[in-house]
Amino acid sequence: MCQLERDATAFDHKVVQVRGSAGLGFEVFTLGDRMCNESSSTPVWLTFGGDVSDIATYCCGDHSRAHGKNLEIEGRSAPLQKDSNYERFQKLLRASRSRKPNGEPCYQGCPFYRVSATLTGLFLARRENADGVEGYGHLSCCSLFIIQQITDVSADRTAVPAGAFLCEKSDWKPAAQEAPEFVSYLECASNCDHETEAAIKRSAAHWKDNIEFSKGGTGGSYTDTTSAHPVDHLRWASDDSLMNYVIVGEKTKPPKVSVTREACRLTTAAPSDAESIFCDDFVAGEWSFERRSEYLQLVDAKEYKKAENMIVESAERLSVNGDQSWRTRDLPLAAHEVLTRQIEDWKVPPNPDLRADRCSDPESLDDQQYEYASCSWYSPDGMQDFTVNLMRPKQGSAATLGPARWSWRGADARVCHGEPTSLATDDAHQD
């Protein structure tokens, strides 16, 4: 894996076999190895051969595939062997919480397993030329590995916990002389790893928490320069997301510092250690490959009104069955009615403690006649997550005839469950 990242052009347009760990999340579907840490290496983006659409959401373009037709790239056909190893690989990658223990979305994914496999496929190297970068994946970040065969799948349980948690926050505003570690961190300009670790450990010491700094990460840290004085925001979260510290420091003389601690404790257990966790994804109202292609062609041709009319037609077709009274209700009530119907259609037993998340405010572009909104729900144990998408005519638009009525655009869900199987090793490749 390290060789493939370090010397990508040596393997360009070759069929190669490599073993690595796959990562899947929002704007992420990559292959790597934690032993490879060279700064000059080129990341490797994954996609399936055959007719399998990309399983990650990323920019830019449409990543769906026509059913029954192999992927073709640069004149070469790339078929995919769909066997028990492929099914297992997909199943393990999709096993993740959609929300952290405190209910915040897991934008980069909260996988239950670290999935490794031996992959065989066509490799295309990321290149830099006079016209810029020719790359693949999110924002052309990477080289591309087209998966054609999967063997030797294995999985290790990550620190991501299952179950429901109660999370509590507390605050501390230390004086500069009380915690000089924060002053050192705020005054540091470069190579601040030591100062960062010291600031987090000082926060833990205040609450008498026993943490290991290396078993966590500081993702999400940034500096806000919009106020009179720069304000640093440093966040550290344990690998299991059960302990979080946020340090906010205003770079005044002396600096003003506040620290927020969030600690979570288990309240309701989910699958036991003897069970493996798998997740099923459900989608309603999804367009066919042909219809999606037609829509994108209209967008590319800047036929925005016709493109929106396709959305309107599809949403109206989804909405006309059954009782229509929900269409004039307030957004949360309308969305919940759709959710209830769709859960019944999917035959999914909803968690009795399902929580309503916020509904997005209806939004629209200036040249559109409709406004769009969504509502979501989740279970406290992180095993269920539902989203319903709605639309309605904008007030004063030509599409408004009488009271603006909601139309249902679609819905999606992730529902996880435990199974009494072992995932430590894979025997599927021996079939």
Protein backbone atom coordinates (compact mmCIF):
# COMPACT_ATOMS: atom_id res chain seq x y z
CA MET A 1 0.00 0.00 0.00
CA CYS A 2 2.80 2.41 0.89
CA GLN A 3 4.51 1.69 -2.43
CA LEU A 4 1.30 2.39 -4.33
CA GLU A 5 0.86 5.76 -2.61
CA ARG A 6 4.51 6.76 -2.84
CA ASP A 7 5.16 5.81 -6.47
CA ALA A 8 1.72 6.02 -8.10
CA THR A 9 2.91 6.74 -11.65
CA ALA A 10 4.87 3.44 -11.75
CA PHE A 11 1.55 1.57 -11.56
CA ASP A 12 -0.53 3.86 -13.75
CA HIS A 13 -3.02 2.00 -16.01
CA LYS A 14 -1.95 -1.37 -14.61
CA VAL A 15 -4.00 -4.08 -12.94
CA VAL A 16 -2.56 -4.42 -9.46
CA GLN A 17 -3.29 -6.31 -6.24
CA VAL A 18 -2.89 -4.57 -2.90
CA ARG A 19 -3.97 -5.00 0.71
CA GLY A 20 -5.14 -2.03 2.77
CA SER A 21 -7.79 -0.58 5.06
CA ALA A 22 -10.85 1.01 3.48
CA GLY A 23 -12.38 4.20 4.88
CA LEU A 24 -15.95 5.24 4.07
CA GLY A 25 -17.73 8.46 5.05
CA PHE A 26 -19.04 11.75 3.71
CA GLU A 27 -16.69 12.74 0.88
CA VAL A 28 -14.45 9.76 1.75
CA PHE A 29 -13.96 6.34 0.13
CA THR A 30 -10.25 5.65 0.30
CA LEU A 31 -7.75 2.86 0.76
CA GLY A 32 -4.76 3.28 3.05
CA ASP A 33 -2.45 1.82 5.64
CA ARG A 34 -1.68 3.44 8.98
CA MET A 35 1.97 2.48 8.53
CA CYS A 36 2.20 4.81 5.50
CA ASN A 37 2.85 8.31 6.77
CA GLU A 38 4.90 9.97 4.05
CA SER A 39 3.76 13.54 3.45
CA SER A 40 4.53 13.34 -0.28
CA SER A 41 2.33 10.30 -0.93
CA THR A 42 -0.81 10.44 -3.08
CA PRO A 43 -4.07 9.18 -1.51
CA VAL A 44 -5.94 6.37 -3.22
CA TRP A 45 -9.66 6.77 -3.94
CA LEU A 46 -11.82 3.66 -4.33
CA THR A 47 -14.65 2.94 -6.72
CA PHE A 48 -16.30 -0.32 -7.74
CA GLY A 49 -16.09 -1.74 -11.20
CA GLY A 50 -19.11 -3.34 -12.85
CA ASP A 51 -22.43 -1.53 -12.49
CA VAL A 52 -22.11 -0.61 -8.81
CA SER A 53 -22.67 3.10 -8.09
CA ASP A 54 -20.27 4.91 -5.78
CA ILE A 55 -21.25 4.46 -2.14
CA ALA A 56 -19.76 7.77 -0.95
CA THR A 57 -21.26 11.23 -1.43
CA TYR A 58 -18.65 13.62 -2.81
CA CYS A 59 -18.02 16.47 -5.22
CA CYS A 60 -18.45 16.64 -8.08
CA GLY A 61 -20.78 15.16 -10.68
CA ASP A 62 -23.08 12.16 -10.78
CA HIS A 63 -21.64 8.85 -9.61
CA SER A 64 -24.50 6.48 -10.40
CA ARG A 65 -24.14 3.59 -12.85
CA ALA A 66 -26.48 2.04 -15.38
CA HIS A 67 -27.74 -1.36 -14.24
CA GLY A 68 -26.16 -4.31 -16.04
CA LYS A 69 -23.42 -2.31 -17.74
CA ASN A 70 -19.77 -2.52 -16.69
CA LEU A 71 -17.83 0.64 -15.89
CA GLU A 72 -15.80 1.81 -18.86
CA ILE A 73 -12.94 4.23 -18.37
CA GLU A 74 -10.48 5.42 -21.00
CA GLY A 75 -11.66 2.71 -23.37
CA ARG A 76 -11.21 -0.14 -20.90
CA SER A 77 -14.00 -2.21 -19.41
CA ALA A 78 -13.76 -2.88 -15.67
CA PRO A 79 -16.04 -5.72 -14.54
CA LEU A 80 -16.62 -6.60 -10.87
CA GLN A 81 -16.74 -10.05 -9.31
CA LYS A 82 -19.82 -9.98 -7.04
CA ASP A 83 -19.36 -12.84 -4.60
CA SER A 84 -19.53 -13.41 -0.84
CA ASN A 85 -16.36 -11.36 -0.31
CA TYR A 86 -17.90 -8.39 -2.12
CA GLU A 87 -21.10 -8.67 -0.08
CA ARG A 88 -19.14 -8.90 3.16
CA PHE A 89 -16.91 -5.95 2.27
CA GLN A 90 -19.94 -3.75 1.52
CA LYS A 91 -21.78 -4.91 4.65
CA LEU A 92 -18.89 -4.14 6.98
CA LEU A 93 -18.15 -0.74 5.44
CA ARG A 94 -21.77 0.35 5.92
CA ALA A 95 -21.84 -0.65 9.61
CA SER A 96 -21.58 2.70 11.36
CA ARG A 97 -23.38 5.08 13.68
CA SER A 98 -24.89 8.00 11.84
CA ARG A 99 -24.68 10.10 15.03
CA LYS A 100 -22.26 10.45 17.90
CA PRO A 101 -23.30 9.53 21.46
CA ASN A 102 -24.33 13.18 22.07
CA GLY A 103 -26.63 13.19 19.02
CA GLU A 104 -24.39 15.25 16.71
CA PRO A 105 -24.16 13.96 13.12
CA CYS A 106 -21.10 11.88 12.21
CA TYR A 107 -20.16 13.77 9.06
CA GLN A 108 -16.99 11.76 8.53
CA GLY A 109 -18.61 8.55 9.66
CA CYS A 110 -18.48 6.67 12.96
CA PRO A 111 -17.61 3.17 11.73
CA PHE A 112 -18.04 0.19 14.01
CA TYR A 113 -15.26 -1.68 12.17
CA ARG A 114 -11.88 -1.07 10.61
CA VAL A 115 -12.18 -3.06 7.39
CA SER A 116 -9.20 -4.51 5.55
CA ALA A 117 -9.15 -6.51 2.34
CA THR A 118 -7.00 -7.58 -0.56
CA LEU A 119 -8.20 -5.77 -3.68
CA THR A 120 -7.44 -6.47 -7.33
CA GLY A 121 -8.24 -3.88 -9.96
CA LEU A 122 -7.24 -1.22 -12.45
CA PHE A 123 -5.15 1.64 -11.01
CA LEU A 124 -5.07 5.17 -12.45
CA ALA A 125 -2.51 7.59 -11.04
CA ARG A 126 -3.25 11.21 -10.17
CA ARG A 127 -1.20 13.47 -12.43
CA GLU A 128 -0.16 17.08 -12.46
CA ASN A 129 0.33 18.79 -15.80
CA ALA A 130 0.38 22.25 -17.35
CA ASP A 131 -3.42 22.42 -17.25
CA GLY A 132 -3.59 21.58 -13.54
CA VAL A 133 -4.33 18.36 -11.71
CA GLU A 134 -5.89 15.30 -13.29
CA GLY A 135 -7.19 13.36 -10.35
CA TYR A 136 -10.11 11.34 -9.08
CA GLY A 137 -12.46 11.27 -6.13
CA HIS A 138 -13.50 14.26 -4.03
CA LEU A 139 -12.20 17.45 -5.64
CA SER A 140 -9.71 15.36 -7.69
CA CYS A 141 -7.81 14.54 -4.50
CA CYS A 142 -6.47 11.16 -5.36
CA SER A 143 -5.32 8.36 -7.57
CA LEU A 144 -8.08 5.89 -8.46
CA PHE A 145 -8.33 2.19 -7.69
CA ILE A 146 -11.19 0.46 -9.54
CA ILE A 147 -12.14 -2.60 -7.50
CA GLN A 148 -12.68 -5.69 -9.65
CA GLN A 149 -12.14 -8.47 -7.11
CA ILE A 150 -12.12 -8.61 -3.29
CA THR A 151 -10.54 -11.36 -1.15
CA ASP A 152 -9.39 -11.92 2.43
CA VAL A 153 -11.79 -9.49 4.11
CA SER A 154 -11.18 -8.90 7.81
CA ALA A 155 -12.58 -6.50 10.39
CA ASP A 156 -11.46 -5.10 13.75
CA ARG A 157 -13.89 -3.39 16.11
CA THR A 158 -13.20 0.33 16.48
CA ALA A 159 -13.69 2.41 19.63
CA VAL A 160 -17.03 3.73 18.31
CA PRO A 161 -19.57 2.63 20.94
CA ALA A 162 -23.03 1.16 20.49
CA GLY A 163 -25.85 1.99 22.87
CA ALA A 164 -27.65 5.06 24.22
CA PHE A 165 -25.80 7.66 26.31
CA LEU A 166 -26.50 10.56 28.60
CA CYS A 167 -24.13 13.46 27.94
CA GLU A 168 -23.59 16.33 30.35
CA LYS A 169 -21.69 19.60 29.86
CA SER A 170 -19.80 21.75 32.36
CA ASP A 171 -17.75 24.94 31.95
CA TRP A 172 -14.55 26.38 33.43
CA LYS A 173 -13.11 29.87 32.96
CA PRO A 174 -9.50 29.71 34.18
CA ALA A 175 -7.43 32.79 34.88
CA ALA A 176 -4.15 33.10 32.95
CA GLN A 177 -2.05 32.50 36.08
CA GLU A 178 -4.18 29.49 36.99
CA ALA A 179 -3.47 27.62 33.75
CA PRO A 180 -0.31 28.81 31.95
CA GLU A 181 -0.65 25.89 29.52
CA PHE A 182 -3.45 27.76 27.75
CA VAL A 183 -1.32 30.89 27.44
CA SER A 184 1.51 28.86 25.91
CA TYR A 185 -0.91 27.27 23.45
CA LEU A 186 -2.39 30.62 22.36
CA GLU A 187 1.04 32.18 21.95
CA CYS A 188 2.40 29.29 19.88
CA ALA A 189 2.70 30.11 16.16
CA SER A 190 3.98 26.84 14.62
CA ASN A 191 4.81 23.23 15.54
CA CYS A 192 2.37 23.43 18.43
CA ASP A 193 1.78 19.73 19.07
CA HIS A 194 3.36 19.87 22.53
CA GLU A 195 1.37 22.97 23.53
CA THR A 196 -1.86 21.48 22.18
CA GLU A 197 -1.43 18.28 24.19
CA ALA A 198 -0.56 20.24 27.33
CA ALA A 199 -3.70 22.39 27.00
CA ILE A 200 -5.96 19.33 26.65
CA LYS A 201 -4.27 17.53 29.55
CA ARG A 202 -4.67 20.63 31.73
CA SER A 203 -8.39 20.64 30.90
CA ALA A 204 -8.67 16.98 31.90
CA ALA A 205 -6.76 17.60 35.13
CA HIS A 206 -9.26 20.29 36.18
CA TRP A 207 -12.08 17.71 36.16
CA LYS A 208 -9.77 14.90 37.37
CA ASP A 209 -10.36 12.95 34.16
CA ASN A 210 -7.95 10.15 33.28
CA ILE A 211 -7.43 10.42 29.51
CA GLU A 212 -4.83 9.32 26.98
CA PHE A 213 -4.27 12.19 24.56
CA SER A 214 -3.14 9.84 21.78
CA LYS A 215 -6.46 7.97 21.95
CA GLY A 216 -8.37 10.91 20.54
CA GLY A 217 -8.16 13.67 17.98
CA THR A 218 -8.31 17.46 17.61
CA GLY A 219 -10.38 17.62 14.43
CA GLY A 220 -12.47 20.75 14.06
CA SER A 221 -9.93 23.23 15.51
CA TYR A 222 -9.83 26.66 13.90
CA THR A 223 -9.09 30.37 14.45
CA ASP A 224 -11.79 33.03 14.11
CA THR A 225 -10.35 36.37 12.97
CA THR A 226 -13.63 38.24 12.50
CA SER A 227 -13.67 39.87 15.94
CA ALA A 228 -11.36 42.54 17.41
CA HIS A 229 -8.97 39.83 18.64
CA PRO A 230 -8.32 36.39 17.06
CA VAL A 231 -10.18 33.62 18.86
CA ASP A 232 -8.80 30.06 18.86
CA HIS A 233 -11.20 27.12 19.03
CA LEU A 234 -9.48 23.87 20.00
CA ARG A 235 -11.50 20.68 20.29
CA TRP A 236 -10.34 17.27 21.46
CA ALA A 237 -12.59 14.19 21.38
CA SER A 238 -11.73 10.69 22.58
CA ASP A 239 -11.83 7.93 19.96
CA ASP A 240 -15.15 6.72 21.38
CA SER A 241 -16.57 10.30 21.46
CA LEU A 242 -17.54 9.87 25.11
CA MET A 243 -15.22 12.62 26.37
CA ASN A 244 -14.96 16.01 24.64
CA TYR A 245 -13.17 19.25 25.50
CA VAL A 246 -13.58 22.56 23.70
CA ILE A 247 -11.12 25.34 24.52
CA VAL A 248 -11.98 28.85 23.33
CA GLY A 249 -9.23 31.42 23.82
CA GLU A 250 -9.39 35.09 22.90
CA LYS A 251 -5.90 36.41 22.21
CA THR A 252 -6.03 39.46 24.45
CA LYS A 253 -3.49 40.57 27.05
CA PRO A 254 -3.97 38.53 29.21
CA PRO A 255 -5.93 36.00 27.13
CA LYS A 256 -9.53 35.12 28.00
CA VAL A 257 -10.08 31.37 28.11
CA SER A 258 -13.14 29.19 28.57
CA VAL A 259 -13.24 25.40 28.54
CA THR A 260 -16.31 23.22 28.00
CA ARG A 261 -16.27 19.57 28.97
CA GLU A 262 -18.84 17.09 27.68
CA ALA A 263 -18.85 13.63 29.25
CA CYS A 264 -21.18 10.82 28.18
CA ARG A 265 -22.15 7.68 30.08
CA LEU A 266 -23.95 4.59 28.90
CA THR A 267 -27.65 4.40 29.78
CA THR A 268 -29.00 1.71 27.43
CA ALA A 269 -26.87 -1.09 26.05
CA ALA A 270 -27.03 -2.05 22.37
CA PRO A 271 -25.69 -5.31 20.81
CA SER A 272 -23.34 -7.23 23.08
CA ASP A 273 -19.70 -7.95 22.30
CA ALA A 274 -20.80 -11.41 21.16
CA GLU A 275 -22.84 -9.86 18.36
CA SER A 276 -21.73 -8.20 15.16
CA ILE A 277 -23.40 -5.00 14.00
CA PHE A 278 -24.75 -4.58 10.49
CA CYS A 279 -26.70 -1.73 8.94
CA ASP A 280 -29.29 -1.60 6.17
CA ASP A 281 -29.83 1.48 4.03
CA PHE A 282 -33.31 2.32 2.73
CA VAL A 283 -34.19 4.85 0.03
CA ALA A 284 -37.60 5.93 -1.28
CA GLY A 285 -38.23 8.13 -4.29
CA GLU A 286 -34.81 7.52 -5.85
CA TRP A 287 -34.59 8.20 -9.57
CA SER A 288 -33.51 5.66 -12.14
CA PHE A 289 -30.13 6.07 -13.82
CA GLU A 290 -31.84 7.22 -17.03
CA ARG A 291 -33.99 9.84 -15.29
CA ARG A 292 -31.04 11.17 -13.32
CA SER A 293 -29.04 11.46 -16.54
CA GLU A 294 -31.87 13.38 -18.19
CA TYR A 295 -32.01 15.79 -15.24
CA LEU A 296 -28.23 16.39 -15.29
CA GLN A 297 -28.31 17.06 -19.02
CA LEU A 298 -30.89 19.79 -18.43
CA VAL A 299 -28.75 21.32 -15.68
CA ASP A 300 -25.66 21.22 -17.89
CA ALA A 301 -27.67 22.98 -20.61
CA LYS A 302 -28.82 25.58 -18.03
CA GLU A 303 -32.44 24.55 -18.55
CA TYR A 304 -33.12 25.10 -14.87
CA LYS A 305 -36.89 25.53 -15.14
CA LYS A 306 -37.27 22.22 -16.99
CA ALA A 307 -34.98 20.53 -14.48
CA GLU A 308 -37.06 21.80 -11.57
CA ASN A 309 -40.22 20.67 -13.32
CA MET A 310 -38.80 17.14 -13.30
CA ILE A 311 -38.39 17.37 -9.52
CA VAL A 312 -41.92 18.73 -9.16
CA GLU A 313 -43.40 15.96 -11.29
CA SER A 314 -41.58 13.26 -9.36
CA ALA A 315 -42.53 14.72 -5.95
CA GLU A 316 -46.19 15.05 -6.94
CA ARG A 317 -46.27 11.44 -8.09
CA LEU A 318 -44.96 10.32 -4.68
CA SER A 319 -47.48 12.48 -2.81
CA VAL A 320 -50.86 11.64 -4.31
CA ASN A 321 -51.55 8.28 -2.67
CA GLY A 322 -53.70 8.04 0.47
CA ASP A 323 -54.94 10.82 2.75
CA GLN A 324 -53.73 14.24 1.52
CA SER A 325 -54.42 16.27 4.68
CA TRP A 326 -50.75 16.23 5.70
CA ARG A 327 -49.82 18.44 2.74
CA THR A 328 -51.21 21.62 4.34
CA ARG A 329 -49.79 21.00 7.82
CA ASP A 330 -46.77 22.65 9.40
CA LEU A 331 -43.45 21.23 8.24
CA PRO A 332 -42.68 18.96 11.27
CA LEU A 333 -46.19 17.45 11.25
CA ALA A 334 -46.23 16.94 7.49
CA ALA A 335 -42.80 15.28 7.52
CA HIS A 336 -43.72 13.04 10.46
CA GLU A 337 -46.81 11.79 8.63
CA VAL A 338 -44.68 10.87 5.64
CA LEU A 339 -42.14 9.20 7.94
CA THR A 340 -44.83 7.06 9.59
CA ARG A 341 -46.09 5.86 6.21
CA GLN A 342 -42.62 5.15 4.90
CA ILE A 343 -41.46 3.21 7.97
CA GLU A 344 -44.54 1.04 7.53
CA ASP A 345 -43.73 0.55 3.85
CA TRP A 346 -40.12 -0.40 4.65
CA LYS A 347 -41.38 -2.79 7.36
CA VAL A 348 -38.88 -1.35 9.83
CA PRO A 349 -39.79 -1.55 13.55
CA PRO A 350 -39.02 1.99 14.77
CA ASN A 351 -37.11 2.51 18.01
CA PRO A 352 -39.71 3.48 20.68
CA ASP A 353 -37.43 6.31 21.84
CA LEU A 354 -36.98 7.82 18.35
CA ARG A 355 -36.08 11.52 18.69
CA ALA A 356 -37.00 14.32 16.34
CA ASP A 357 -34.05 16.38 15.17
CA ARG A 358 -34.51 19.91 13.86
CA CYS A 359 -36.18 20.53 10.52
CA SER A 360 -34.21 22.67 8.12
CA ASP A 361 -35.68 26.05 7.22
CA PRO A 362 -37.31 26.00 3.75
CA GLU A 363 -34.75 27.33 1.28
CA SER A 364 -34.72 28.13 -2.41
CA LEU A 365 -32.56 29.81 -5.03
CA ASP A 366 -33.82 33.11 -6.42
CA ASP A 367 -34.73 31.70 -9.83
CA GLN A 368 -36.63 28.71 -8.43
CA GLN A 369 -40.39 28.57 -7.91
CA TYR A 370 -40.21 26.04 -5.07
CA GLU A 371 -38.59 25.90 -1.66
CA TYR A 372 -37.08 22.77 -0.16
CA ALA A 373 -36.83 21.43 3.39
CA SER A 374 -36.01 18.24 5.29
CA CYS A 375 -36.65 16.76 8.73
CA SER A 376 -34.73 13.98 10.47
CA TRP A 377 -35.12 11.61 13.40
CA TYR A 378 -32.69 9.35 15.22
CA SER A 379 -32.62 6.76 17.98
CA PRO A 380 -30.49 7.54 21.08
CA ASP A 381 -28.50 4.33 20.63
CA GLY A 382 -27.31 5.43 17.18
CA MET A 383 -28.86 2.42 15.47
CA GLN A 384 -31.60 4.21 13.51
CA ASP A 385 -31.62 7.43 11.49
CA PHE A 386 -34.39 8.70 9.19
CA THR A 387 -34.69 11.72 6.87
CA VAL A 388 -37.72 13.00 4.93
CA ASN A 389 -37.38 15.60 2.15
CA LEU A 390 -40.28 17.89 1.21
CA MET A 391 -40.91 20.82 -1.13
CA ARG A 392 -43.66 23.41 -1.72
CA PRO A 393 -44.30 26.39 -4.00
CA LYS A 394 -42.79 29.66 -2.85
CA GLN A 395 -45.29 32.27 -1.77
CA GLY A 396 -46.03 34.57 -4.69
CA SER A 397 -44.60 32.23 -7.33
CA ALA A 398 -46.50 31.21 -10.43
CA ALA A 399 -46.70 27.68 -9.02
CA THR A 400 -48.79 28.80 -6.03
CA LEU A 401 -52.48 28.07 -6.50
CA GLY A 402 -54.29 28.63 -3.21
CA PRO A 403 -52.57 27.47 0.00
CA ALA A 404 -49.03 26.23 -0.59
CA ARG A 405 -49.05 22.45 -0.24
CA TRP A 406 -46.11 20.21 0.59
CA SER A 407 -44.98 17.52 -1.81
CA TRP A 408 -42.82 14.60 -0.79
CA ARG A 409 -39.45 14.44 -2.56
CA GLY A 410 -38.10 11.26 -0.97
CA ALA A 411 -36.83 9.64 2.20
CA ASP A 412 -33.84 7.64 3.37
CA ALA A 413 -32.90 5.65 6.44
CA ARG A 414 -30.10 3.70 8.07
CA VAL A 415 -31.20 0.90 10.42
CA CYS A 416 -28.59 -1.16 12.28
CA HIS A 417 -28.98 -4.40 14.19
CA GLY A 418 -26.91 -7.04 15.95
CA GLU A 419 -26.24 -10.54 14.68
CA PRO A 420 -24.58 -13.39 16.65
CA THR A 421 -21.60 -13.83 14.31
CA SER A 422 -17.87 -13.26 14.51
CA LEU A 423 -16.09 -10.76 12.26
CA ALA A 424 -12.52 -11.22 13.44
CA THR A 425 -11.55 -13.29 10.38
CA ASP A 426 -13.09 -14.04 7.03
CA ASP A 427 -13.63 -17.55 5.65
CA ALA A 428 -15.69 -16.33 2.70
CA HIS A 429 -12.68 -16.30 0.35
CA GLN A 430 -12.40 -20.08 0.77
CA ASP A 431 -15.88 -20.65 -0.74
